[in-house]
């Protein structure tokens, strides 16, 4: 007598249970657009146990090892050294001189002759490239010579990523935005195609496993960190864990401290009592948040200079004018009927939102495939421009700046009223030192932002409103002239 084959498991029917488990135990959120990723992760982590049995066991008695395995499968982010270099430039050139300059008459050392200490946090550090870049930036600033000691603490939920960060061996892909000069100054070749940061950099960085979305009053004590980098991490959290993560980060920020988020992330619209005193600032083409307090209550970091005048972030946009661009004309002979055209437009908008979500979540290849489907003759010119712009942003995320510039140029050509490609082109030109091109593109962006579509600003503005972006253009142009 033969034994009957086991019934096939209906994996899609298990995904709601997996999502609930991830939200409850890890604070992570994954929607239906990530079903394939969830299915693959569940199958791999379950191993010889059936996925259904695995979920039964996890719901009854979850183990740390299995939760870590799920975290390792689902929180692998794409990162590299000197990613969004403008943020590190803003820290080194504009912020650290203010943060380390002693108040008049104050000593270079603290009580008992100890050095003042600057504390930096890389939150959601993945495989360590951001943390080591932060350490290189602080080392370059010459803090020790100014009587300021410093260290970097790097935390992540993913134990496998932390193991790679501690090992600190990186290939060409991780160093793709690193110049030859930077490699020779800050890295040592350990094997063919393998590099590691110098010991003077590695010894300043500590790694620890931690979930940003869980409370921990001791770790997140008020004033714990002067500098926090938390880029492209908050997008992973479900609502309650997101609120807790924001409370943790903002509450731990010291007076005068700065918080850098990912370019597509913002605190606008988030509820957090500790946001009082937190002000949106900009420098070197990027936004960041700074905890402002009366200068009389502290001796360092010093207050923001009087020449920097940006105020607090404005309220969320409402009732902005509709897009001023139109789709490419279609002849009567080839015009589809109105219902079909409306359905097509809705599908294209959904595809654009899906591509944006995937790229923000670090699934760049999947996002680029969605972008490619938008850039076709049958798609309205406005949507093609948005797809090209999004492709350019993805190339920036990957450190492929010439490709990013090419896509932004195509987006601007496809829709002459689209302001944001000109803004990105201006910032990229400034990074290359091309002052005339940077000024031209930023001036054009400033003009077009006056009438930019509210939908486009909400989708691509990184959570910053029209006036925030116009202020960024004006300040960058002013710095170029200076």
Protein backbone atom coordinates (compact mmCIF):
# COMPACT_ATOMS: atom_id res chain seq x y z
CA UNK A 1 0.00 0.00 0.00
CA UNK A 2 1.45 3.37 -1.02
CA UNK A 3 1.34 6.44 1.21
CA UNK A 4 -0.62 9.43 -0.13
CA UNK A 5 1.44 12.48 -1.06
CA UNK A 6 1.08 15.42 1.32
CA UNK A 7 -1.38 18.08 0.23
CA UNK A 8 0.16 21.12 -1.41
CA UNK A 9 0.44 24.11 0.89
CA UNK A 10 -1.50 27.21 -0.16
CA UNK A 11 1.28 29.71 0.60
CA UNK A 12 -0.69 32.88 -0.31
CA UNK A 13 -3.29 31.99 2.32
CA UNK A 14 -0.54 31.98 4.99
CA UNK A 15 0.73 35.49 4.23
CA UNK A 16 -1.81 37.38 6.41
CA UNK A 17 -0.61 35.31 9.38
CA UNK A 18 3.03 36.03 8.52
CA UNK A 19 2.31 39.77 8.22
CA UNK A 20 0.60 39.76 11.62
CA UNK A 21 3.56 37.91 13.14
CA UNK A 22 6.10 40.33 11.65
CA UNK A 23 4.11 43.33 12.87
CA UNK A 24 3.59 41.98 16.39
CA UNK A 25 7.08 40.59 17.01
CA UNK A 26 9.36 42.78 14.88
CA UNK A 27 7.25 45.87 14.16
CA UNK A 28 7.72 45.39 10.40
CA UNK A 29 5.15 46.16 7.71
CA UNK A 30 4.91 44.45 4.31
CA UNK A 31 1.98 45.05 1.98
CA UNK A 32 0.59 42.95 -0.86
CA UNK A 33 3.15 44.30 -3.33
CA UNK A 34 5.78 42.28 -1.46
CA UNK A 35 3.94 38.95 -1.48
CA UNK A 36 6.61 37.23 -3.58
CA UNK A 37 9.31 38.34 -1.18
CA UNK A 38 7.32 37.16 1.86
CA UNK A 39 6.57 33.81 0.25
CA UNK A 40 10.23 33.17 -0.58
CA UNK A 41 11.34 34.20 2.92
CA UNK A 42 8.76 31.97 4.62
CA UNK A 43 9.78 28.97 2.51
CA UNK A 44 13.49 29.44 3.21
CA UNK A 45 13.17 30.06 6.95
CA UNK A 46 10.73 27.17 7.49
CA UNK A 47 13.26 24.77 5.98
CA UNK A 48 12.22 21.12 6.38
CA UNK A 49 9.20 22.14 8.44
CA UNK A 50 6.08 22.98 6.45
CA UNK A 51 5.40 26.75 6.27
CA UNK A 52 2.06 26.23 8.00
CA UNK A 53 3.65 24.27 10.84
CA UNK A 54 6.39 26.89 11.13
CA UNK A 55 3.79 29.64 11.60
CA UNK A 56 1.92 27.50 14.14
CA UNK A 57 5.10 27.18 16.19
CA UNK A 58 5.99 30.86 15.88
CA UNK A 59 2.53 32.01 16.94
CA UNK A 60 2.61 29.69 19.95
CA UNK A 61 6.23 30.15 21.11
CA UNK A 62 8.43 32.34 18.88
CA UNK A 63 12.16 31.85 19.36
CA UNK A 64 14.86 34.48 19.07
CA UNK A 65 16.72 32.41 16.50
CA UNK A 66 13.70 32.13 14.20
CA UNK A 67 12.83 35.82 14.55
CA UNK A 68 16.43 36.66 13.70
CA UNK A 69 16.20 34.40 10.64
CA UNK A 70 13.08 36.23 9.44
CA UNK A 71 14.76 39.59 10.05
CA UNK A 72 17.80 38.45 8.07
CA UNK A 73 15.61 37.49 5.12
CA UNK A 74 13.43 40.58 5.06
CA UNK A 75 15.56 43.57 6.10
CA UNK A 76 18.49 43.36 3.70
CA UNK A 77 18.95 46.95 2.48
CA UNK A 78 21.04 48.20 -0.42
CA UNK A 79 23.83 50.42 0.83
CA UNK A 80 27.35 51.55 -0.05
CA UNK A 81 30.11 53.85 1.19
CA UNK A 82 29.49 57.61 0.86
CA UNK A 83 25.87 57.04 -0.14
CA UNK A 84 24.27 60.49 -0.51
CA UNK A 85 27.60 62.17 0.05
CA UNK A 86 25.94 65.57 0.38
CA UNK A 87 24.67 64.58 3.84
CA UNK A 88 28.18 63.76 5.04
CA UNK A 89 29.45 66.98 3.44
CA UNK A 90 26.80 68.97 5.31
CA UNK A 91 27.83 67.30 8.56
CA UNK A 92 31.57 67.85 8.08
CA UNK A 93 31.56 71.33 6.52
CA UNK A 94 28.54 73.05 8.06
CA UNK A 95 27.61 71.27 11.29
CA UNK A 96 30.71 69.90 13.00
CA UNK A 97 32.48 73.28 13.18
CA UNK A 98 29.45 74.60 15.09
CA UNK A 99 29.03 71.52 17.23
CA UNK A 100 32.64 71.38 18.39
CA UNK A 101 33.45 75.05 18.86
CA UNK A 102 33.65 75.77 22.57
CA UNK A 103 31.72 78.68 23.96
CA UNK A 104 33.85 81.78 24.72
CA UNK A 105 36.04 81.15 27.74
CA UNK A 106 35.19 77.45 28.05
CA UNK A 107 38.04 74.92 28.27
CA UNK A 108 38.82 72.39 25.55
CA UNK A 109 38.38 69.60 28.08
CA UNK A 110 35.67 68.73 30.52
CA UNK A 111 35.77 68.16 34.30
CA UNK A 112 38.88 66.32 35.46
CA UNK A 113 40.69 67.04 32.20
CA UNK A 114 38.53 64.63 30.20
CA UNK A 115 37.80 65.42 26.56
CA UNK A 116 34.33 66.41 25.50
CA UNK A 117 32.73 63.51 23.63
CA UNK A 118 30.58 63.61 20.51
CA UNK A 119 28.29 60.59 20.17
CA UNK A 120 27.02 59.41 16.78
CA UNK A 121 24.43 56.73 16.00
CA UNK A 122 23.97 54.84 12.73
CA UNK A 123 20.43 53.48 13.18
CA UNK A 124 19.61 50.68 10.77
CA UNK A 125 23.24 50.31 9.76
CA UNK A 126 22.77 47.18 7.60
CA UNK A 127 26.19 45.81 6.61
CA UNK A 128 28.12 48.76 8.05
CA UNK A 129 29.00 50.99 5.11
CA UNK A 130 27.08 53.96 6.54
CA UNK A 131 28.63 53.58 10.00
CA UNK A 132 32.18 53.47 8.65
CA UNK A 133 31.48 56.42 6.32
CA UNK A 134 30.27 58.36 9.34
CA UNK A 135 33.48 57.45 11.20
CA UNK A 136 35.59 58.57 8.23
CA UNK A 137 33.68 61.87 8.15
CA UNK A 138 34.27 62.49 11.87
CA UNK A 139 37.94 61.53 11.56
CA UNK A 140 38.42 63.93 8.63
CA UNK A 141 37.02 66.76 10.75
CA UNK A 142 40.05 66.59 13.07
CA UNK A 143 37.95 66.45 16.23
CA UNK A 144 40.68 65.06 18.50
CA UNK A 145 42.92 68.03 17.76
CA UNK A 146 40.07 70.26 18.92
CA UNK A 147 39.77 68.45 22.25
CA UNK A 148 36.68 66.48 21.21
CA UNK A 149 36.60 62.69 21.45
CA UNK A 150 34.02 60.76 19.47
CA UNK A 151 32.60 57.33 18.69
CA UNK A 152 30.00 55.73 16.43
CA UNK A 153 27.43 53.20 17.63
CA UNK A 154 25.76 51.25 14.82
CA UNK A 155 22.60 49.21 15.39
CA UNK A 156 20.43 46.99 13.24
CA UNK A 157 17.72 44.37 13.60
CA UNK A 158 19.40 41.94 11.19
CA UNK A 159 22.07 39.75 12.88
CA UNK A 160 23.47 38.50 9.58
CA UNK A 161 24.04 42.09 8.40
CA UNK A 162 25.74 42.93 11.70
CA UNK A 163 28.09 39.98 11.29
CA UNK A 164 29.12 41.29 7.86
CA UNK A 165 29.56 44.77 9.32
CA UNK A 166 31.82 43.47 12.08
CA UNK A 167 33.90 41.45 9.58
CA UNK A 168 34.23 44.68 7.52
CA UNK A 169 35.22 43.12 4.20
CA UNK A 170 33.76 44.93 1.22
CA UNK A 171 33.85 44.41 -2.53
CA UNK A 172 33.75 46.78 -5.45
CA UNK A 173 29.94 47.14 -5.32
CA UNK A 174 30.09 48.60 -1.80
CA UNK A 175 32.84 51.03 -2.89
CA UNK A 176 31.26 52.06 -6.18
CA UNK A 177 30.84 55.71 -5.08
CA UNK A 178 34.29 55.83 -3.46
CA UNK A 179 37.04 57.65 -5.33
CA UNK A 180 40.53 56.23 -5.72
CA UNK A 181 41.81 58.94 -3.38
CA UNK A 182 39.29 57.94 -0.70
CA UNK A 183 40.28 54.30 -1.05
CA UNK A 184 43.95 55.06 -0.65
CA UNK A 185 43.32 57.26 2.40
CA UNK A 186 40.77 55.24 4.36
CA UNK A 187 40.87 51.61 3.19
CA UNK A 188 43.26 48.69 3.08
CA UNK A 189 43.12 45.93 0.45
CA UNK A 190 42.86 42.55 2.19
CA UNK A 191 42.24 40.27 -0.80
CA UNK A 192 41.82 40.75 -4.54
CA UNK A 193 38.65 42.82 -4.86
CA UNK A 194 38.22 43.01 -1.07
CA UNK A 195 38.75 46.12 1.06
CA UNK A 196 38.45 46.98 4.74
CA UNK A 197 38.49 50.36 6.54
CA UNK A 198 41.74 51.22 8.30
CA UNK A 199 42.09 50.19 11.97
CA UNK A 200 41.89 53.85 13.07
CA UNK A 201 38.38 53.91 11.57
CA UNK A 202 37.19 50.44 12.61
CA UNK A 203 38.20 50.88 16.25
CA UNK A 204 35.84 53.86 16.55
CA UNK A 205 32.72 51.91 15.51
CA UNK A 206 30.73 49.48 17.69
CA UNK A 207 27.88 47.29 16.45
CA UNK A 208 24.86 46.01 18.37
CA UNK A 209 21.54 44.34 17.57
CA UNK A 210 18.54 46.50 18.37
CA UNK A 211 15.00 47.05 17.15
CA UNK A 212 14.36 50.77 16.67
CA UNK A 213 10.61 50.23 16.98
CA UNK A 214 10.71 48.91 20.55
CA UNK A 215 10.94 50.95 23.76
CA UNK A 216 14.17 50.88 25.78
CA UNK A 217 14.38 53.78 28.24
CA UNK A 218 18.01 53.09 29.13
CA UNK A 219 19.35 53.00 25.58
CA UNK A 220 17.19 55.87 24.30
CA UNK A 221 17.85 58.11 27.30
CA UNK A 222 17.39 61.84 26.60
CA UNK A 223 20.45 63.47 25.09
CA UNK A 224 22.19 60.18 24.26
CA UNK A 225 23.34 61.15 20.75
CA UNK A 226 24.59 64.32 19.08
CA UNK A 227 24.34 62.89 15.55
CA UNK A 228 21.83 60.32 14.30
CA UNK A 229 21.72 58.86 10.79
CA UNK A 230 18.55 56.82 10.22
CA UNK A 231 18.14 56.58 6.46
CA UNK A 232 15.56 54.48 4.61
CA UNK A 233 14.66 52.55 7.77
CA UNK A 234 11.39 54.07 8.98
CA UNK A 235 9.61 52.92 5.81
CA UNK A 236 9.78 49.31 7.05
CA UNK A 237 7.79 49.83 10.27
CA UNK A 238 4.09 49.29 10.87
CA UNK A 239 2.18 52.20 12.44
CA UNK A 240 2.70 51.60 16.17
CA UNK A 241 6.37 50.62 15.76
CA UNK A 242 6.92 53.68 13.56
CA UNK A 243 5.56 55.97 16.27
CA UNK A 244 7.81 54.30 18.84
CA UNK A 245 10.87 54.55 16.56
CA UNK A 246 10.28 58.28 16.05
CA UNK A 247 9.87 58.81 19.81
CA UNK A 248 13.10 56.88 20.39
CA UNK A 249 15.15 58.79 17.83
CA UNK A 250 13.90 62.27 18.65
CA UNK A 251 13.93 61.73 22.39
CA UNK A 252 17.56 60.58 22.33
CA UNK A 253 18.74 63.58 20.29
CA UNK A 254 20.87 65.93 22.39
CA UNK A 255 20.33 69.73 22.44
CA UNK A 256 21.88 71.04 19.22
CA UNK A 257 21.97 67.50 17.84
CA UNK A 258 21.13 66.64 14.21
CA UNK A 259 19.03 63.87 12.66
CA UNK A 260 19.49 62.78 9.03
CA UNK A 261 16.75 60.71 7.38
CA UNK A 262 16.57 59.19 3.91
CA UNK A 263 15.77 61.54 1.05
CA UNK A 264 12.23 60.13 0.78
CA UNK A 265 11.52 60.32 4.52
CA UNK A 266 10.15 63.12 6.68
CA UNK A 267 8.79 63.69 10.16
CA UNK A 268 6.06 65.96 8.81
CA UNK A 269 2.65 64.68 9.81
CA UNK A 270 4.10 62.24 12.37
CA UNK A 271 2.80 62.47 15.94
CA UNK A 272 5.56 62.80 18.50
CA UNK A 273 5.50 65.00 21.60
CA UNK A 274 9.29 65.26 21.48
CA UNK A 275 9.21 67.11 18.15
CA UNK A 276 9.02 70.38 20.08
CA UNK A 277 12.23 72.24 19.36
CA UNK A 278 13.01 70.11 16.29
CA UNK A 279 13.57 72.33 13.25
CA UNK A 280 14.00 71.45 9.60
CA UNK A 281 17.29 72.82 8.23
CA UNK A 282 19.19 72.46 4.99
CA UNK A 283 22.82 72.59 3.89
CA UNK A 284 24.83 71.20 0.98
CA UNK A 285 21.69 70.29 -0.93
CA UNK A 286 20.06 68.14 1.74
CA UNK A 287 17.55 68.49 4.56
CA UNK A 288 18.07 67.43 8.16
CA UNK A 289 16.46 68.06 11.54
CA UNK A 290 18.12 69.87 14.43
CA UNK A 291 17.04 70.09 18.06
CA UNK A 292 17.00 73.81 18.80
CA UNK A 293 17.21 75.14 22.35
CA UNK A 294 17.97 78.58 23.79
CA UNK A 295 21.71 79.19 23.57
CA UNK A 296 21.79 80.17 27.24
CA UNK A 297 20.99 76.61 28.32
CA UNK A 298 24.12 75.00 26.90
CA UNK A 299 27.74 75.72 26.07
CA UNK A 300 27.97 73.33 23.14
CA UNK A 301 26.93 72.63 20.45
CA UNK A 302 26.53 76.32 19.66
CA UNK A 303 23.36 77.84 18.26
CA UNK A 304 22.70 77.93 14.53
CA UNK A 305 24.36 81.00 12.96
CA UNK A 306 22.22 84.06 12.39
CA UNK A 307 22.88 83.87 8.65
CA UNK A 308 20.89 80.65 8.36
CA UNK A 309 17.27 81.73 8.45
CA UNK A 310 15.07 78.72 7.51
CA UNK A 311 12.21 78.39 9.95
CA UNK A 312 10.25 75.41 11.23
CA UNK A 313 8.68 73.06 8.75
CA UNK A 314 5.37 74.30 7.43
CA UNK A 315 2.10 72.43 7.69
CA UNK A 316 1.31 69.70 5.14
CA UNK A 317 0.19 70.92 1.76
CA UNK A 318 -3.49 71.19 1.00
CA UNK A 319 -5.43 72.39 -2.01
CA UNK A 320 -2.47 72.98 -4.31
CA UNK A 321 -3.15 73.64 -8.00
CA UNK A 322 -3.51 70.69 -10.31
CA UNK A 323 -0.73 69.66 -12.69
CA UNK A 324 -0.22 72.22 -15.45
CA UNK A 325 1.03 69.66 -17.94
CA UNK A 326 -1.04 67.66 -20.39
CA UNK A 327 -0.64 64.29 -21.98
CA UNK A 328 0.74 64.07 -25.49
CA UNK A 329 -2.06 64.62 -28.04
CA UNK A 330 -3.56 61.55 -29.65
CA UNK A 331 -5.14 61.74 -33.08
CA UNK A 332 -8.87 61.00 -33.42
CA UNK A 333 -8.04 57.99 -35.53
CA UNK A 334 -6.08 56.31 -32.77
CA UNK A 335 -7.85 57.77 -29.70
CA UNK A 336 -9.07 54.99 -27.33
CA UNK A 337 -12.51 55.36 -25.80
CA UNK A 338 -12.70 57.45 -22.64
CA UNK A 339 -13.25 54.57 -20.23
CA UNK A 340 -10.31 52.58 -21.55
CA UNK A 341 -8.08 55.66 -21.37
CA UNK A 342 -9.15 56.30 -17.79
CA UNK A 343 -8.44 52.69 -16.84
CA UNK A 344 -5.03 52.91 -18.53
CA UNK A 345 -4.22 56.12 -16.67
CA UNK A 346 -5.22 54.59 -13.36
CA UNK A 347 -3.08 51.53 -14.05
CA UNK A 348 -0.11 53.74 -14.92
CA UNK A 349 -0.48 55.77 -11.72
CA UNK A 350 -0.67 52.56 -9.68
CA UNK A 351 2.45 51.27 -11.44
CA UNK A 352 4.29 54.52 -10.70
CA UNK A 353 3.35 54.31 -7.02
CA UNK A 354 4.47 50.67 -6.93
CA UNK A 355 7.84 51.58 -8.49
CA UNK A 356 8.32 54.39 -5.96
CA UNK A 357 7.46 52.09 -3.06
CA UNK A 358 9.87 49.39 -4.23
CA UNK A 359 12.78 51.81 -4.69
CA UNK A 360 12.19 53.45 -1.31
CA UNK A 361 12.14 49.97 0.28
CA UNK A 362 15.51 49.12 -1.25
CA UNK A 363 14.14 46.74 -3.91
CA UNK A 364 15.76 48.79 -6.65
CA UNK A 365 15.80 46.17 -9.41
CA UNK A 366 12.06 45.49 -9.03
CA UNK A 367 11.40 49.23 -8.97
CA UNK A 368 13.42 49.78 -12.13
CA UNK A 369 11.46 47.08 -13.94
CA UNK A 370 8.24 48.88 -13.01
CA UNK A 371 9.72 52.18 -14.26
CA UNK A 372 10.65 50.59 -17.58
CA UNK A 373 7.03 49.61 -18.18
CA UNK A 374 6.02 53.27 -17.84
CA UNK A 375 8.52 54.57 -20.38
CA UNK A 376 6.70 53.51 -23.51
CA UNK A 377 5.05 55.34 -26.45
CA UNK A 378 1.56 54.50 -25.18
CA UNK A 379 2.08 56.25 -21.85
CA UNK A 380 1.27 59.99 -21.49
CA UNK A 381 4.34 62.21 -21.58
CA UNK A 382 3.80 63.42 -18.01
CA UNK A 383 3.89 59.86 -16.66
CA UNK A 384 6.87 58.98 -18.83
CA UNK A 385 8.70 61.97 -17.34
CA UNK A 386 7.86 60.79 -13.84
CA UNK A 387 9.06 57.29 -14.64
CA UNK A 388 12.33 58.67 -15.99
CA UNK A 389 12.76 60.89 -12.93
CA UNK A 390 12.13 57.96 -10.60
CA UNK A 391 14.67 55.91 -12.56
CA UNK A 392 17.15 58.75 -12.03
CA UNK A 393 16.49 58.74 -8.28
CA UNK A 394 17.12 55.00 -8.22
CA UNK A 395 20.44 55.51 -9.98
CA UNK A 396 21.37 58.10 -7.35
CA UNK A 397 20.50 55.56 -4.65
CA UNK A 398 22.91 53.13 -6.30
CA UNK A 399 25.68 55.70 -6.63
CA UNK A 400 25.53 55.65 -10.45
CA UNK A 401 25.50 59.43 -10.87
CA UNK A 402 26.15 59.76 -14.64
CA UNK A 403 23.20 57.44 -15.31
CA UNK A 404 21.11 59.42 -12.82
CA UNK A 405 21.91 62.67 -14.58
CA UNK A 406 21.02 61.21 -17.99
CA UNK A 407 17.58 60.08 -16.76
CA UNK A 408 16.87 63.43 -15.09
CA UNK A 409 17.76 65.22 -18.33
CA UNK A 410 15.37 62.98 -20.27
CA UNK A 411 12.63 63.61 -17.71
CA UNK A 412 13.07 67.38 -18.03
CA UNK A 413 12.97 67.13 -21.82
CA UNK A 414 9.86 64.96 -21.79
CA UNK A 415 7.92 67.44 -19.63
CA UNK A 416 9.22 71.02 -19.68
CA UNK A 417 7.14 72.04 -16.63
CA UNK A 418 8.52 69.32 -14.31
CA UNK A 419 10.60 71.15 -11.68
CA UNK A 420 12.16 68.30 -9.72
CA UNK A 421 14.50 66.93 -12.42
CA UNK A 422 16.07 70.40 -12.65
CA UNK A 423 16.52 70.45 -8.87
CA UNK A 424 18.35 67.10 -8.91
CA UNK A 425 20.45 68.17 -11.91
CA UNK A 426 21.45 71.34 -10.09
CA UNK A 427 22.52 69.46 -6.98
CA UNK A 428 24.47 66.90 -9.02
CA UNK A 429 26.22 69.67 -10.97
CA UNK A 430 27.19 71.42 -7.76
CA UNK A 431 28.72 68.22 -6.41
CA UNK A 432 30.87 68.06 -9.55
CA UNK A 433 31.95 71.69 -9.08
CA UNK A 434 30.16 72.88 -12.24
CA UNK A 435 28.97 76.20 -10.84
CA UNK A 436 27.36 77.66 -13.97
CA UNK A 437 25.36 74.51 -14.74
CA UNK A 438 24.31 74.18 -11.10
CA UNK A 439 23.07 77.78 -10.94
CA UNK A 440 21.18 77.42 -14.24
CA UNK A 441 19.36 74.23 -13.18
CA UNK A 442 18.56 75.48 -9.67
CA UNK A 443 17.20 78.76 -11.04
CA UNK A 444 14.97 76.84 -13.46
CA UNK A 445 13.77 74.55 -10.66
CA UNK A 446 12.97 77.58 -8.49
CA UNK A 447 10.86 79.08 -11.28
CA UNK A 448 8.97 75.86 -12.02
CA UNK A 449 8.32 75.00 -8.37
CA UNK A 450 5.97 78.00 -8.21
CA UNK A 451 3.42 76.02 -10.24
CA UNK A 452 4.54 72.41 -9.71
CA UNK A 453 1.77 69.85 -9.37
CA UNK A 454 0.74 69.18 -5.78
CA UNK A 455 0.52 65.46 -6.60
CA UNK A 456 4.11 65.48 -7.84
CA UNK A 457 5.33 67.27 -4.74
CA UNK A 458 3.59 64.76 -2.49
CA UNK A 459 4.94 61.84 -4.48
CA UNK A 460 8.51 62.96 -5.14
CA UNK A 461 9.20 65.80 -2.69
CA UNK A 462 10.46 63.55 0.09
CA UNK A 463 7.77 64.89 2.43
CA UNK A 464 8.95 68.49 2.05
CA UNK A 465 6.55 71.13 0.81
CA UNK A 466 6.79 73.63 -2.01
CA UNK A 467 8.37 76.39 0.07
CA UNK A 468 10.91 73.98 1.64
CA UNK A 469 12.13 73.04 -1.84
CA UNK A 470 12.16 76.63 -3.06
CA UNK A 471 14.20 77.60 0.01
CA UNK A 472 16.62 74.79 -0.79
CA UNK A 473 17.08 76.18 -4.31
CA UNK A 474 17.61 79.75 -3.07
CA UNK A 475 20.09 78.71 -0.38
CA UNK A 476 22.09 76.56 -2.80
CA UNK A 477 22.22 79.39 -5.34
CA UNK A 478 23.34 81.79 -2.61
CA UNK A 479 26.14 79.42 -1.57
CA UNK A 480 27.28 79.11 -5.19
CA UNK A 481 27.51 82.89 -5.51
CA UNK A 482 29.38 83.11 -2.21
